[in-house]
Amino acid sequence: MSFPKRRISETDAGGHTVTVRTHRDLGTLIARAGEGELIALDRRDLDAATARALLAKKPWGVINGAEFISGRFANLGPQLLAEAGVVLLETDREHVQALTDGGTVRVDGSTLYDGAVVVADVHVVEPDEIERRMDQARTGLAAQLDSFAHTTSEFLRREEGLLLHGTGAPALRTDLGGKTVVVVGPATTAAQLRRLRTFLREQRPVLIGVDAGGDLLARKRRKIDVLVLSGAGAVEDRTLARTSEVVLNGTGEAVGRRLEKRNLPSHTVHTSAASADLGLLLAHLGGARLVVPTGSPGTLEEFIDRSRSDQASNVLSRLRLGGRLVEADAVPLLYTGRVRRWQLALVLLAAVAVLAFTVAATPIGQDRWDQVRDHLPTWVGGR
């Protein structure tokens, strides 16, 4: 439905004025977004991974040219945004496409203004409406699982060469053979990475960053051994500066030019597998002893929340790794860290101190202590 432009008096202006951030590529959009801005996108059934990436930018609001929750399934993204206090707006696709990146608009109730001109009527999606839509969408879970079975068989037929035989996979310069590899996916949060701090410090695993996961590693001042980028993915310059080699999932001319400028070794893979799952497969094909993915879906709801192609990619890639895959959330439960020399020395010192006090409490110990004090200087307690 199209809404006509209307004009109001400048004196009637109210509402909230905000800077718009928009781009046709989602990765580039998120990378450019700033705090307090209105992020404009066209993404039906916003997933949790995208919502978390948006939340990291602390936007004022998100305006969507499609339904946040269409009812096909109970996607978790809108709920995460609403709980964080982000304003959610829905409007027609053409209105979102007409917004200018870096421009300023004013949101007043259910109307979007450019100066004094009404450019769009918007629908404010309130938390109670999100909950109502989620309840209705949960009834479609069985149908989603049936669709997943079909999508998985199609994906396996299409990607059999890469999944089963490694066909088309690059020969990495980074040696993964017999090593522990941590694959930091684009949905990884700083808190998840922080929980692995002891494991990363002591085990020194090979780090594979995927899209925004690479940016997170760079912000934490960690060296990125392999950076996996989706074809149109955008990462910060400091991320490339801390990267040893890059694997492109698809073609991306803009990214390619940046790699050439930095003289970074790069490889190109053409696959419909999600970039995070490509990172898992690269670790498997490189002979990794243990693979730890971060930012992966942990529940059935989060799994269903992903796009259909990503669902099949995720499941089959994990099956390919088998017992070598350990979820990041399980690592702190299984790994408590090494016992260090200073810790042993501290325990030994405490034991000696306890023994000394025990002996000193006996008559023989007291006599011995008096003899020692007779030979000590007065400034250290001698007599």
Protein backbone atom coordinates (compact mmCIF):
# COMPACT_ATOMS: atom_id res chain seq x y z
CA MET A 1 0.00 0.00 0.00
CA SER A 2 1.33 3.46 -0.92
CA PHE A 3 0.83 6.53 1.25
CA PRO A 4 0.65 10.01 -0.33
CA LYS A 5 3.04 12.72 0.80
CA ARG A 6 1.40 15.42 2.91
CA ARG A 7 2.72 18.71 4.21
CA ILE A 8 2.27 20.12 7.72
CA SER A 9 3.15 23.42 9.31
CA GLU A 10 6.66 23.69 10.80
CA THR A 11 5.09 25.02 13.99
CA ASP A 12 3.25 21.74 14.49
CA ALA A 13 6.49 19.75 14.43
CA GLY A 14 7.04 17.36 17.33
CA GLY A 15 8.14 13.79 17.91
CA HIS A 16 11.67 12.44 17.79
CA THR A 17 14.27 13.54 15.23
CA VAL A 18 16.82 10.88 14.32
CA THR A 19 19.54 10.10 11.78
CA VAL A 20 18.75 7.32 9.30
CA ARG A 21 21.24 4.57 8.52
CA THR A 22 20.51 2.37 5.51
CA HIS A 23 22.34 0.16 3.01
CA ARG A 24 21.25 -2.66 0.71
CA ASP A 25 23.83 -5.02 2.26
CA LEU A 26 22.97 -5.94 5.84
CA GLY A 27 26.58 -6.48 6.93
CA THR A 28 27.64 -3.08 5.65
CA LEU A 29 24.57 -1.49 7.23
CA ILE A 30 25.37 -2.90 10.67
CA ALA A 31 29.03 -1.92 10.37
CA ARG A 32 28.08 1.70 9.60
CA ALA A 33 25.30 2.04 12.16
CA GLY A 34 25.85 4.33 15.12
CA GLU A 35 24.36 4.79 18.56
CA GLY A 36 20.98 6.48 18.69
CA GLU A 37 20.25 6.11 14.96
CA LEU A 38 17.24 4.73 13.09
CA ILE A 39 18.31 1.64 11.16
CA ALA A 40 16.30 1.08 7.99
CA LEU A 41 16.17 -2.43 6.56
CA ASP A 42 13.98 -4.79 4.58
CA ARG A 43 14.09 -8.11 6.39
CA ARG A 44 11.05 -10.31 6.88
CA ASP A 45 11.01 -12.34 10.11
CA LEU A 46 14.02 -10.66 11.72
CA ASP A 47 16.20 -13.36 13.31
CA ALA A 48 17.94 -13.30 16.68
CA ALA A 49 21.48 -13.18 15.26
CA THR A 50 20.70 -10.03 13.28
CA ALA A 51 18.92 -8.51 16.27
CA ARG A 52 21.96 -9.06 18.52
CA ALA A 53 24.22 -7.47 15.91
CA LEU A 54 21.87 -4.48 15.77
CA LEU A 55 21.72 -4.21 19.55
CA ALA A 56 25.50 -3.99 19.71
CA LYS A 57 25.18 -0.68 17.83
CA LYS A 58 22.65 0.71 20.36
CA PRO A 59 20.13 2.12 17.85
CA TRP A 60 17.18 4.28 18.79
CA GLY A 61 14.91 2.32 16.50
CA VAL A 62 14.58 -0.04 13.54
CA ILE A 63 12.23 0.61 10.62
CA ASN A 64 11.43 -2.45 8.52
CA GLY A 65 10.03 -2.60 4.99
CA ALA A 66 8.69 -6.07 5.78
CA GLU A 67 6.92 -7.69 8.71
CA PHE A 68 9.07 -8.24 11.78
CA ILE A 69 7.02 -11.38 12.45
CA SER A 70 5.09 -12.74 9.48
CA GLY A 71 3.60 -15.71 11.34
CA ARG A 72 5.53 -18.42 9.48
CA PHE A 73 7.43 -19.23 12.68
CA ALA A 74 8.24 -17.65 16.02
CA ASN A 75 11.39 -15.69 15.16
CA LEU A 76 13.13 -14.20 18.17
CA GLY A 77 14.71 -11.02 16.79
CA PRO A 78 11.88 -8.50 17.40
CA GLN A 79 11.43 -9.65 20.98
CA LEU A 80 15.13 -9.11 21.73
CA LEU A 81 15.00 -5.59 20.29
CA ALA A 82 11.79 -4.68 22.11
CA GLU A 83 13.12 -5.93 25.45
CA ALA A 84 16.14 -3.66 24.99
CA GLY A 85 13.87 -0.65 24.46
CA VAL A 86 14.46 -0.29 20.71
CA VAL A 87 11.53 1.30 18.85
CA LEU A 88 10.19 -0.99 16.10
CA LEU A 89 8.45 0.52 13.07
CA GLU A 90 6.88 -1.21 10.06
CA THR A 91 6.07 0.45 6.75
CA ASP A 92 6.01 -0.33 3.02
CA ARG A 93 9.18 -1.47 1.25
CA GLU A 94 9.23 1.50 -1.14
CA HIS A 95 9.26 3.94 1.76
CA VAL A 96 12.28 2.26 3.32
CA GLN A 97 14.07 2.21 -0.02
CA ALA A 98 13.40 5.93 -0.45
CA LEU A 99 15.17 6.85 2.80
CA THR A 100 18.59 8.46 2.44
CA ASP A 101 21.59 7.10 4.34
CA GLY A 102 22.75 9.76 6.78
CA GLY A 103 19.58 11.80 6.33
CA THR A 104 17.40 13.08 9.14
CA VAL A 105 13.76 12.17 9.71
CA ARG A 106 11.25 12.85 12.43
CA VAL A 107 9.05 10.17 13.94
CA ASP A 108 5.86 11.51 15.46
CA GLY A 109 3.43 8.82 16.54
CA SER A 110 2.66 6.70 13.49
CA THR A 111 3.97 9.22 10.97
CA LEU A 112 7.41 9.72 9.44
CA TYR A 113 8.40 13.23 8.37
CA ASP A 114 11.19 14.65 6.25
CA GLY A 115 11.18 18.24 7.43
CA ALA A 116 7.57 19.36 7.04
CA VAL A 117 6.68 16.64 4.51
CA VAL A 118 4.91 13.45 5.55
CA VAL A 119 6.78 10.71 3.71
CA ALA A 120 5.31 7.58 5.27
CA ASP A 121 2.75 6.22 7.66
CA VAL A 122 4.36 3.70 9.98
CA HIS A 123 3.06 1.07 12.34
CA VAL A 124 4.64 1.05 15.79
CA VAL A 125 5.07 -2.56 16.89
CA GLU A 126 4.50 -2.70 20.65
CA PRO A 127 5.78 -5.51 22.94
CA ASP A 128 2.28 -6.90 23.55
CA GLU A 129 1.72 -7.17 19.80
CA ILE A 130 5.03 -9.02 19.43
CA GLU A 131 3.94 -11.51 22.07
CA ARG A 132 0.59 -11.99 20.35
CA ARG A 133 2.23 -12.59 16.97
CA MET A 134 4.71 -15.00 18.55
CA ASP A 135 1.90 -17.06 20.09
CA GLN A 136 0.19 -17.32 16.71
CA ALA A 137 3.42 -18.19 14.92
CA ARG A 138 4.31 -21.04 17.29
CA THR A 139 1.51 -23.10 15.78
CA GLY A 140 3.50 -23.25 12.52
CA LEU A 141 6.53 -25.01 14.05
CA ALA A 142 5.58 -28.46 12.72
CA ALA A 143 5.26 -27.10 9.19
CA GLN A 144 8.67 -25.45 9.53
CA LEU A 145 10.29 -28.74 10.54
CA ASP A 146 8.71 -30.47 7.55
CA SER A 147 10.07 -27.75 5.27
CA PHE A 148 13.48 -28.13 6.92
CA ALA A 149 13.63 -31.82 5.98
CA HIS A 150 13.09 -30.95 2.32
CA THR A 151 15.60 -28.08 2.40
CA THR A 152 18.24 -30.31 3.98
CA SER A 153 18.01 -32.93 1.26
CA GLU A 154 18.30 -30.21 -1.40
CA PHE A 155 21.31 -28.67 0.31
CA LEU A 156 23.05 -32.03 0.59
CA ARG A 157 22.50 -32.72 -3.09
CA ARG A 158 23.84 -29.29 -4.03
CA GLU A 159 26.84 -29.22 -1.65
CA GLU A 160 27.77 -32.92 -1.62
CA GLY A 161 31.24 -32.24 -3.03
CA LEU A 162 32.24 -29.75 -0.35
CA LEU A 163 30.58 -31.54 2.55
CA LEU A 164 31.78 -35.06 1.82
CA HIS A 165 34.94 -34.61 -0.22
CA GLY A 166 36.15 -31.06 0.35
CA THR A 167 35.73 -30.19 -3.33
CA GLY A 168 36.31 -26.47 -3.91
CA ALA A 169 37.77 -25.83 -0.47
CA PRO A 170 41.01 -23.80 -0.43
CA ALA A 171 44.37 -25.01 0.85
CA LEU A 172 44.98 -22.65 3.75
CA ARG A 173 48.41 -21.35 4.62
CA THR A 174 47.49 -21.60 8.29
CA ASP A 175 48.31 -25.03 9.72
CA LEU A 176 45.25 -26.50 11.44
CA GLY A 177 46.43 -30.10 11.66
CA GLY A 178 46.03 -31.57 15.14
CA LYS A 179 45.22 -28.17 16.66
CA THR A 180 42.31 -26.68 18.55
CA VAL A 181 40.29 -24.22 16.46
CA VAL A 182 37.77 -21.65 17.70
CA VAL A 183 35.33 -20.39 15.05
CA VAL A 184 33.96 -17.01 16.13
CA GLY A 185 30.67 -16.56 14.27
CA PRO A 186 29.02 -13.23 13.39
CA ALA A 187 26.43 -13.62 16.16
CA THR A 188 29.06 -14.03 18.90
CA THR A 189 28.75 -11.54 21.76
CA ALA A 190 31.53 -10.02 23.84
CA ALA A 191 30.18 -11.88 26.89
CA GLN A 192 30.46 -15.25 25.11
CA LEU A 193 34.05 -14.52 24.13
CA ARG A 194 34.85 -13.37 27.66
CA ARG A 195 33.74 -16.73 29.07
CA LEU A 196 36.39 -18.38 26.90
CA ARG A 197 39.17 -16.07 28.08
CA THR A 198 41.03 -18.65 30.18
CA PHE A 199 40.71 -21.29 27.47
CA LEU A 200 42.01 -18.91 24.79
CA ARG A 201 44.93 -17.74 26.92
CA GLU A 202 46.16 -21.19 27.93
CA GLN A 203 45.34 -23.29 24.86
CA ARG A 204 46.22 -20.63 22.25
CA PRO A 205 43.87 -22.09 19.62
CA VAL A 206 43.75 -21.15 15.96
CA LEU A 207 41.16 -18.37 15.62
CA ILE A 208 38.80 -18.27 12.64
CA GLY A 209 36.68 -15.11 12.56
CA VAL A 210 33.52 -14.92 10.47
CA ASP A 211 32.24 -11.52 9.29
CA ALA A 212 31.33 -9.50 12.42
CA GLY A 213 33.02 -12.18 14.54
CA GLY A 214 36.30 -10.98 13.05
CA ASP A 215 35.52 -7.42 14.13
CA LEU A 216 34.87 -8.67 17.66
CA LEU A 217 38.23 -10.45 17.79
CA ALA A 218 39.98 -7.33 16.52
CA ARG A 219 38.31 -5.18 19.20
CA LYS A 220 39.63 -7.64 21.79
CA ARG A 221 43.12 -7.24 20.28
CA ARG A 222 43.36 -10.86 19.19
CA LYS A 223 45.19 -12.09 16.12
CA ILE A 224 42.87 -13.59 13.48
CA ASP A 225 44.47 -16.56 11.76
CA VAL A 226 41.73 -16.98 9.15
CA LEU A 227 38.96 -14.49 8.34
CA VAL A 228 35.89 -15.86 6.51
CA LEU A 229 33.79 -13.22 4.76
CA SER A 230 30.49 -13.47 2.97
CA GLY A 231 30.63 -12.07 -0.55
CA ALA A 232 29.26 -8.67 0.39
CA GLY A 233 30.47 -8.73 3.99
CA ALA A 234 32.08 -5.60 5.41
CA VAL A 235 34.65 -5.58 8.20
CA GLU A 236 36.63 -2.81 9.80
CA ASP A 237 40.13 -1.88 8.62
CA ARG A 238 41.65 -2.85 11.96
CA THR A 239 40.18 -6.33 11.50
CA LEU A 240 42.05 -6.79 8.22
CA ALA A 241 45.19 -5.41 9.88
CA ARG A 242 45.09 -8.25 12.44
CA THR A 243 44.30 -10.99 9.88
CA SER A 244 46.75 -13.50 8.40
CA GLU A 245 44.62 -14.75 5.49
CA VAL A 246 41.08 -14.37 4.16
CA VAL A 247 38.53 -16.78 2.68
CA LEU A 248 35.74 -15.17 0.64
CA ASN A 249 32.43 -17.01 0.47
CA GLY A 250 31.35 -15.81 -2.97
CA THR A 251 32.59 -12.78 -4.84
CA GLY A 252 32.90 -9.31 -3.43
CA GLU A 253 34.67 -6.69 -5.53
CA ALA A 254 34.81 -4.08 -2.78
CA VAL A 255 36.30 -6.54 -0.29
CA GLY A 256 38.69 -7.86 -2.94
CA ARG A 257 40.10 -4.39 -3.57
CA ARG A 258 40.70 -3.87 0.15
CA LEU A 259 42.54 -7.19 0.36
CA GLU A 260 44.72 -6.34 -2.62
CA LYS A 261 45.57 -2.99 -1.10
CA ARG A 262 46.82 -4.72 2.04
CA ASN A 263 48.44 -7.56 0.10
CA LEU A 264 46.51 -10.10 2.19
CA PRO A 265 46.51 -13.74 1.02
CA SER A 266 42.96 -14.64 0.01
CA HIS A 267 40.95 -17.57 -1.33
CA THR A 268 37.49 -17.69 -2.89
CA VAL A 269 34.91 -20.41 -2.26
CA HIS A 270 31.57 -20.61 -4.06
CA THR A 271 29.07 -22.32 -1.78
CA SER A 272 25.55 -21.80 -0.48
CA ALA A 273 26.71 -22.79 3.00
CA ALA A 274 26.55 -20.04 5.60
CA SER A 275 29.91 -18.39 6.19
CA ALA A 276 29.99 -19.54 9.83
CA ASP A 277 29.46 -23.13 8.69
CA LEU A 278 32.14 -22.71 6.05
CA GLY A 279 34.48 -21.83 8.90
CA LEU A 280 33.60 -25.13 10.59
CA LEU A 281 34.21 -27.08 7.39
CA LEU A 282 37.58 -25.39 6.85
CA ALA A 283 38.63 -26.46 10.35
CA HIS A 284 37.47 -30.02 9.63
CA LEU A 285 39.21 -30.23 6.26
CA GLY A 286 42.38 -28.78 7.79
CA GLY A 287 42.57 -31.67 10.26
CA ALA A 288 41.71 -29.79 13.46
CA ARG A 289 41.77 -31.89 16.62
CA LEU A 290 38.96 -29.95 18.30
CA VAL A 291 36.58 -27.30 16.94
CA VAL A 292 34.73 -24.82 19.18
CA PRO A 293 32.04 -22.68 17.46
CA THR A 294 30.74 -19.55 19.17
CA GLY A 295 27.56 -17.60 18.43
CA SER A 296 25.68 -20.69 17.24
CA PRO A 297 22.00 -21.41 17.92
CA GLY A 298 21.64 -23.20 21.24
CA THR A 299 17.93 -24.07 21.32
CA LEU A 300 15.34 -25.41 18.89
CA GLU A 301 13.69 -21.98 18.76
CA GLU A 302 17.00 -20.30 17.89
CA PHE A 303 17.68 -22.95 15.25
CA ILE A 304 14.27 -22.49 13.61
CA ASP A 305 14.91 -18.74 13.80
CA ARG A 306 17.60 -19.04 11.12
CA SER A 307 16.87 -18.86 7.40
CA ARG A 308 15.98 -22.16 5.73
CA SER A 309 19.26 -22.48 3.84
CA ASP A 310 21.23 -21.71 7.00
CA GLN A 311 19.33 -24.39 8.92
CA ALA A 312 20.44 -27.14 6.55
CA SER A 313 23.97 -25.76 6.36
CA ASN A 314 24.25 -25.64 10.14
CA VAL A 315 23.05 -29.18 10.81
CA LEU A 316 25.02 -30.91 8.05
CA SER A 317 28.25 -29.05 8.81
CA ARG A 318 28.03 -30.08 12.45
CA LEU A 319 27.30 -33.67 11.54
CA ARG A 320 30.40 -33.62 9.35
CA LEU A 321 32.58 -32.63 12.31
CA GLY A 322 31.06 -35.24 14.59
CA GLY A 323 32.78 -35.74 17.95
CA ARG A 324 35.42 -33.10 17.29
CA LEU A 325 32.88 -30.32 17.82
CA VAL A 326 32.38 -28.89 21.32
CA GLU A 327 29.93 -26.03 21.92
CA ALA A 328 31.48 -22.86 23.32
CA ASP A 329 29.00 -22.74 26.23
CA ALA A 330 30.24 -26.17 27.35
CA VAL A 331 33.93 -25.24 27.40
CA PRO A 332 33.88 -23.37 30.76
CA LEU A 333 32.15 -26.39 32.31
CA LEU A 334 34.69 -28.87 30.95
CA TYR A 335 37.86 -26.79 31.14
CA THR A 336 38.93 -25.19 34.42
CA GLY A 337 42.42 -24.18 33.35
CA ARG A 338 45.91 -25.39 34.12
CA VAL A 339 47.50 -25.37 37.58
CA ARG A 340 50.28 -22.79 37.46
CA ARG A 341 53.61 -22.83 39.29
CA TRP A 342 52.79 -19.77 41.37
CA GLN A 343 49.59 -21.46 42.53
CA LEU A 344 51.55 -24.53 43.66
CA ALA A 345 54.11 -22.28 45.38
CA LEU A 346 51.33 -20.44 47.21
CA VAL A 347 49.85 -23.72 48.49
CA LEU A 348 53.32 -24.92 49.58
CA LEU A 349 54.02 -21.63 51.37
CA ALA A 350 50.69 -21.82 53.18
CA ALA A 351 51.46 -25.40 54.28
CA VAL A 352 54.89 -24.37 55.60
CA ALA A 353 53.36 -21.44 57.48
CA VAL A 354 50.75 -23.69 59.12
CA LEU A 355 53.47 -26.20 60.09
CA ALA A 356 55.67 -23.44 61.54
CA PHE A 357 52.86 -22.02 63.69
CA THR A 358 51.93 -25.50 64.88
CA VAL A 359 55.50 -26.29 65.96
CA ALA A 360 55.91 -22.86 67.55
CA ALA A 361 52.91 -23.56 69.77
CA THR A 362 54.69 -26.53 71.45
CA PRO A 363 57.19 -26.12 74.39
CA ILE A 364 60.06 -27.42 72.25
CA GLY A 365 59.10 -25.08 69.44
CA GLN A 366 58.95 -22.14 71.86
CA ASP A 367 62.44 -22.91 73.21
CA ARG A 368 63.80 -23.13 69.67
CA TRP A 369 62.18 -19.81 68.77
CA ASP A 370 63.74 -18.13 71.84
CA GLN A 371 67.16 -19.40 70.76
CA VAL A 372 66.65 -18.02 67.26
CA ARG A 373 65.57 -14.62 68.64
CA ASP A 374 68.80 -14.40 70.67
CA HIS A 375 70.75 -14.33 67.40
CA LEU A 376 68.49 -11.90 65.50
CA PRO A 377 69.08 -8.13 65.27
CA THR A 378 66.69 -6.05 67.34
CA TRP A 379 65.19 -4.41 64.24
CA VAL A 380 63.73 -7.76 63.14
CA GLY A 381 62.48 -8.82 66.56
CA GLY A 382 65.72 -10.06 68.19
CA ARG A 383 66.56 -9.63 71.86
